[in-house]
Every structure is written in structure tokens, then in C-alpha cells.
Amino acid sequence: MASASTLSRPTSGTGIGRSVVAGVAGGIAGAIVFGILMAMTGILPVIASMVGSSSAVVGFGVHLMISVLIGLGLTVLFGNRLLTGYGRGALIGLGYGAIWWVLGPLMIMPVMMGMPLFAVDLTAALSVIGHMVYGVILGLVAVRVLKSQA
């Protein structure tokens, strides 16, 4: 029989709830750092153009939402199996960021904007760094959340 203290635990402390919290927290943390890099390179208005705007603030908002969804993809689907320690989390995140560099700026965004696929210019080449930094931060924060006590 479950004790009263067990019944009062928040759902974010177990299973899917903790995976969701890990994805949201990791996605936001990675998005903030990557967003700073994007702001420094002036790419945020390009991100905003995906929703018909030219505002850097809107671009950051779009970037933040995408980053959370991508973070959830990692943690909800694979978190408990892959994100088992900080070293592994950093490596998985690094690879995950690289995969999203190919999927995002080289495939999905060009299709949405009528640009050629797999066009690696200076901006795309620099964005690989941001995607990998995002992934490492996502992985590390997600491991921290997944390891935390309920």
C-alpha cells in the first residue's frame, strides 16, 4: 500500500513527467546560450522570417519554442536509456545537436523558405557550433534533472 508521502509526490518527479521537465529545462538552457550566439551573428531575424516577421525578438521566441520541442524529443523518447551520466549526456547531446544542424538549417528551414537544400555557407557552417553547444547543454541539464530526487 502506498504511503501518504508517496501519493503526494509530484508527477514531474517520475517517469514521463521527469523526462518532460528535463527536455523543457535542457531545451531552454541550450536555447539561451545558442540564442546569444545567434544574436551576435544577426541570424534571429532570419529565424523570425519563418513566421512572417523580421524581429529579432520574434526570432528568439521561435528559436526558443523549437529548442524546447527538440529537447523534448531527446528526453521523452530516449532520456532514461541514453542520458545516464554527464559524460554520456554531453556526447549524446553533441551528436544530437549535429543531427539537428543537418535537419534544421540544411533541410527543414531551406524547404520552408524556398532555398536550396544542403547549402553550406558561412552562416550554416557557424551554426553547427551553436547546434552542438545547444546539444551539449541540453544533454547536461537533462541528465541533472533526470538524476534529481523527486
C-alpha atoms as a PDB file:
ATOM      1  CA  MET A   1       0.000   0.000   0.000  1.00  0.00           C
ATOM      2  CA  ALA A   2       1.318   3.464  -0.877  1.00  0.00           C
ATOM      3  CA  SER A   3       2.028   5.839   1.962  1.00  0.00           C
ATOM      4  CA  ALA A   4       0.637   9.369   2.111  1.00  0.00           C
ATOM      5  CA  SER A   5       4.068  10.810   1.298  1.00  0.00           C
ATOM      6  CA  THR A   6       4.319   8.636  -1.815  1.00  0.00           C
ATOM      7  CA  LEU A   7       0.895   9.742  -3.001  1.00  0.00           C
ATOM      8  CA  SER A   8       1.742  13.424  -2.595  1.00  0.00           C
ATOM      9  CA  ARG A   9       4.836  13.329  -4.835  1.00  0.00           C
ATOM     10  CA  PRO A  10       4.570  15.491  -7.930  1.00  0.00           C
ATOM     11  CA  THR A  11       4.311  13.625 -11.236  1.00  0.00           C
ATOM     12  CA  SER A  12       7.283  15.584 -12.573  1.00  0.00           C
ATOM     13  CA  GLY A  13       9.474  13.505 -10.276  1.00  0.00           C
ATOM     14  CA  THR A  14       8.888  10.205 -12.015  1.00  0.00           C
ATOM     15  CA  GLY A  15       8.832   8.635 -15.451  1.00  0.00           C
ATOM     16  CA  ILE A  16       7.460  10.714 -18.281  1.00  0.00           C
ATOM     17  CA  GLY A  17       6.956  13.776 -16.066  1.00  0.00           C
ATOM     18  CA  ARG A  18      10.622  13.968 -15.195  1.00  0.00           C
ATOM     19  CA  SER A  19      11.551  13.400 -18.869  1.00  0.00           C
ATOM     20  CA  VAL A  20       9.312  16.311 -19.869  1.00  0.00           C
ATOM     21  CA  VAL A  21      10.844  18.588 -17.235  1.00  0.00           C
ATOM     22  CA  ALA A  22      14.332  17.519 -18.387  1.00  0.00           C
ATOM     23  CA  GLY A  23      13.518  18.314 -22.021  1.00  0.00           C
ATOM     24  CA  VAL A  24      11.976  21.687 -21.246  1.00  0.00           C
ATOM     25  CA  ALA A  25      14.767  22.736 -18.862  1.00  0.00           C
ATOM     26  CA  GLY A  26      17.545  21.483 -21.141  1.00  0.00           C
ATOM     27  CA  GLY A  27      15.894  22.969 -24.219  1.00  0.00           C
ATOM     28  CA  ILE A  28      15.550  26.395 -22.590  1.00  0.00           C
ATOM     29  CA  ALA A  29      19.101  26.378 -21.200  1.00  0.00           C
ATOM     30  CA  GLY A  30      20.576  25.379 -24.555  1.00  0.00           C
ATOM     31  CA  ALA A  31      18.337  27.845 -26.405  1.00  0.00           C
ATOM     32  CA  ILE A  32      19.509  30.769 -24.301  1.00  0.00           C
ATOM     33  CA  VAL A  33      23.192  30.133 -24.997  1.00  0.00           C
ATOM     34  CA  PHE A  34      22.607  29.326 -28.673  1.00  0.00           C
ATOM     35  CA  GLY A  35      20.292  32.355 -28.919  1.00  0.00           C
ATOM     36  CA  ILE A  36      23.092  34.625 -27.700  1.00  0.00           C
ATOM     37  CA  LEU A  37      25.320  33.238 -30.452  1.00  0.00           C
ATOM     38  CA  MET A  38      22.521  33.754 -32.968  1.00  0.00           C
ATOM     39  CA  ALA A  39      22.019  37.344 -31.819  1.00  0.00           C
ATOM     40  CA  MET A  40      25.743  38.021 -32.208  1.00  0.00           C
ATOM     41  CA  THR A  41      25.666  36.761 -35.808  1.00  0.00           C
ATOM     42  CA  GLY A  42      22.425  38.587 -36.686  1.00  0.00           C
ATOM     43  CA  ILE A  43      20.543  35.414 -37.654  1.00  0.00           C
ATOM     44  CA  LEU A  44      17.490  35.885 -35.394  1.00  0.00           C
ATOM     45  CA  PRO A  45      15.570  37.976 -37.987  1.00  0.00           C
ATOM     46  CA  VAL A  46      16.052  35.110 -40.461  1.00  0.00           C
ATOM     47  CA  ILE A  47      14.512  32.732 -37.908  1.00  0.00           C
ATOM     48  CA  ALA A  48      11.663  35.228 -37.437  1.00  0.00           C
ATOM     49  CA  SER A  49      11.013  35.179 -41.184  1.00  0.00           C
ATOM     50  CA  MET A  50       9.800  31.589 -40.779  1.00  0.00           C
ATOM     51  CA  VAL A  51       6.666  33.087 -39.186  1.00  0.00           C
ATOM     52  CA  GLY A  52       6.445  36.216 -41.335  1.00  0.00           C
ATOM     53  CA  SER A  53       8.362  38.627 -39.098  1.00  0.00           C
ATOM     54  CA  SER A  54      11.728  40.346 -39.198  1.00  0.00           C
ATOM     55  CA  SER A  55      12.007  40.990 -35.458  1.00  0.00           C
ATOM     56  CA  ALA A  56      14.970  39.535 -33.597  1.00  0.00           C
ATOM     57  CA  VAL A  57      12.732  39.171 -30.529  1.00  0.00           C
ATOM     58  CA  VAL A  58      10.225  37.120 -32.515  1.00  0.00           C
ATOM     59  CA  GLY A  59      13.128  35.129 -33.936  1.00  0.00           C
ATOM     60  CA  PHE A  60      14.317  34.340 -30.427  1.00  0.00           C
ATOM     61  CA  GLY A  61      10.796  33.273 -29.448  1.00  0.00           C
ATOM     62  CA  VAL A  62      10.579  30.929 -32.443  1.00  0.00           C
ATOM     63  CA  HIS A  63      14.053  29.609 -31.647  1.00  0.00           C
ATOM     64  CA  LEU A  64      13.038  29.023 -28.011  1.00  0.00           C
ATOM     65  CA  MET A  65       9.903  27.073 -28.977  1.00  0.00           C
ATOM     66  CA  ILE A  66      11.804  24.924 -31.473  1.00  0.00           C
ATOM     67  CA  SER A  67      14.542  24.302 -28.901  1.00  0.00           C
ATOM     68  CA  VAL A  68      12.058  23.090 -26.295  1.00  0.00           C
ATOM     69  CA  LEU A  69      10.397  20.742 -28.796  1.00  0.00           C
ATOM     70  CA  ILE A  70      13.774  19.341 -29.840  1.00  0.00           C
ATOM     71  CA  GLY A  71      14.761  18.954 -26.186  1.00  0.00           C
ATOM     72  CA  LEU A  72      11.551  17.053 -25.513  1.00  0.00           C
ATOM     73  CA  GLY A  73      12.293  14.799 -28.465  1.00  0.00           C
ATOM     74  CA  LEU A  74      15.544  13.687 -26.885  1.00  0.00           C
ATOM     75  CA  THR A  75      14.400  13.318 -23.308  1.00  0.00           C
ATOM     76  CA  VAL A  76      10.939  11.828 -23.797  1.00  0.00           C
ATOM     77  CA  LEU A  77      11.997   9.318 -26.442  1.00  0.00           C
ATOM     78  CA  PHE A  78      15.481   8.406 -25.241  1.00  0.00           C
ATOM     79  CA  GLY A  79      16.272  10.142 -21.945  1.00  0.00           C
ATOM     80  CA  ASN A  80      16.199   7.272 -19.497  1.00  0.00           C
ATOM     81  CA  ARG A  81      18.131   4.983 -21.849  1.00  0.00           C
ATOM     82  CA  LEU A  82      20.761   7.372 -23.222  1.00  0.00           C
ATOM     83  CA  LEU A  83      21.202  10.151 -20.672  1.00  0.00           C
ATOM     84  CA  THR A  84      22.627   8.059 -17.847  1.00  0.00           C
ATOM     85  CA  GLY A  85      25.628  10.179 -16.836  1.00  0.00           C
ATOM     86  CA  TYR A  86      27.161  13.588 -17.501  1.00  0.00           C
ATOM     87  CA  GLY A  87      29.862  12.404 -19.910  1.00  0.00           C
ATOM     88  CA  ARG A  88      27.397  10.362 -21.886  1.00  0.00           C
ATOM     89  CA  GLY A  89      24.853  13.203 -21.766  1.00  0.00           C
ATOM     90  CA  ALA A  90      27.396  15.625 -23.220  1.00  0.00           C
ATOM     91  CA  LEU A  91      28.347  13.198 -26.006  1.00  0.00           C
ATOM     92  CA  ILE A  92      24.754  12.277 -26.848  1.00  0.00           C
ATOM     93  CA  GLY A  93      23.872  15.982 -26.809  1.00  0.00           C
ATOM     94  CA  LEU A  94      26.795  16.806 -29.094  1.00  0.00           C
ATOM     95  CA  GLY A  95      25.641  14.216 -31.617  1.00  0.00           C
ATOM     96  CA  TYR A  96      22.001  15.233 -31.246  1.00  0.00           C
ATOM     97  CA  GLY A  97      22.938  18.865 -31.905  1.00  0.00           C
ATOM     98  CA  ALA A  98      24.858  17.845 -35.031  1.00  0.00           C
ATOM     99  CA  ILE A  99      21.868  15.835 -36.288  1.00  0.00           C
ATOM    100  CA  TRP A 100      19.609  18.841 -35.788  1.00  0.00           C
ATOM    101  CA  TRP A 101      22.112  21.041 -37.620  1.00  0.00           C
ATOM    102  CA  VAL A 102      21.611  18.825 -40.679  1.00  0.00           C
ATOM    103  CA  LEU A 103      17.843  18.580 -40.203  1.00  0.00           C
ATOM    104  CA  GLY A 104      17.221  22.249 -39.323  1.00  0.00           C
ATOM    105  CA  PRO A 105      19.308  24.737 -41.294  1.00  0.00           C
ATOM    106  CA  LEU A 106      20.310  22.347 -44.062  1.00  0.00           C
ATOM    107  CA  MET A 107      16.947  20.672 -44.730  1.00  0.00           C
ATOM    108  CA  ILE A 108      13.788  21.916 -42.968  1.00  0.00           C
ATOM    109  CA  MET A 109      14.468  25.658 -42.987  1.00  0.00           C
ATOM    110  CA  PRO A 110      15.506  25.767 -46.665  1.00  0.00           C
ATOM    111  CA  VAL A 111      12.344  23.878 -47.639  1.00  0.00           C
ATOM    112  CA  MET A 112      10.209  26.323 -45.622  1.00  0.00           C
ATOM    113  CA  MET A 113      11.958  29.334 -47.159  1.00  0.00           C
ATOM    114  CA  GLY A 114      12.336  28.158 -50.750  1.00  0.00           C
ATOM    115  CA  MET A 115      16.114  27.932 -50.530  1.00  0.00           C
ATOM    116  CA  PRO A 116      18.391  25.149 -51.824  1.00  0.00           C
ATOM    117  CA  LEU A 117      18.904  22.111 -49.584  1.00  0.00           C
ATOM    118  CA  PHE A 118      22.303  21.378 -48.030  1.00  0.00           C
ATOM    119  CA  ALA A 119      23.713  24.812 -48.911  1.00  0.00           C
ATOM    120  CA  VAL A 120      26.637  25.226 -46.521  1.00  0.00           C
ATOM    121  CA  ASP A 121      27.637  28.873 -46.479  1.00  0.00           C
ATOM    122  CA  LEU A 122      29.475  30.722 -43.709  1.00  0.00           C
ATOM    123  CA  THR A 123      26.278  31.171 -41.673  1.00  0.00           C
ATOM    124  CA  ALA A 124      25.404  27.469 -41.880  1.00  0.00           C
ATOM    125  CA  ALA A 125      28.981  26.489 -41.091  1.00  0.00           C
ATOM    126  CA  LEU A 126      28.976  28.685 -37.986  1.00  0.00           C
ATOM    127  CA  SER A 127      25.582  27.394 -36.903  1.00  0.00           C
ATOM    128  CA  VAL A 128      26.977  23.885 -36.494  1.00  0.00           C
ATOM    129  CA  ILE A 129      28.875  25.218 -33.486  1.00  0.00           C
ATOM    130  CA  GLY A 130      25.691  26.670 -31.993  1.00  0.00           C
ATOM    131  CA  HIS A 131      23.751  23.461 -32.562  1.00  0.00           C
ATOM    132  CA  MET A 132      26.452  21.379 -30.916  1.00  0.00           C
ATOM    133  CA  VAL A 133      26.737  23.769 -27.954  1.00  0.00           C
ATOM    134  CA  TYR A 134      22.942  23.610 -27.636  1.00  0.00           C
ATOM    135  CA  GLY A 135      23.073  19.807 -27.676  1.00  0.00           C
ATOM    136  CA  VAL A 136      25.777  19.576 -25.012  1.00  0.00           C
ATOM    137  CA  ILE A 137      23.896  21.948 -22.705  1.00  0.00           C
ATOM    138  CA  LEU A 138      20.636  20.076 -23.363  1.00  0.00           C
ATOM    139  CA  GLY A 139      22.314  16.770 -22.520  1.00  0.00           C
ATOM    140  CA  LEU A 140      23.967  18.025 -19.339  1.00  0.00           C
ATOM    141  CA  VAL A 141      20.885  19.793 -17.979  1.00  0.00           C
ATOM    142  CA  ALA A 142      18.681  16.820 -18.865  1.00  0.00           C
ATOM    143  CA  VAL A 143      20.993  14.422 -17.018  1.00  0.00           C
ATOM    144  CA  ARG A 144      20.887  16.721 -13.975  1.00  0.00           C
ATOM    145  CA  VAL A 145      17.086  16.784 -13.993  1.00  0.00           C
ATOM    146  CA  LEU A 146      16.775  13.054 -14.629  1.00  0.00           C
ATOM    147  CA  LYS A 147      19.171  12.323 -11.736  1.00  0.00           C
ATOM    148  CA  SER A 148      17.476  14.712  -9.289  1.00  0.00           C
ATOM    149  CA  GLN A 149      15.476  13.410  -6.362  1.00  0.00           C
ATOM    150  CA  ALA A 150      11.697  13.550  -6.554  1.00  0.00           C
END
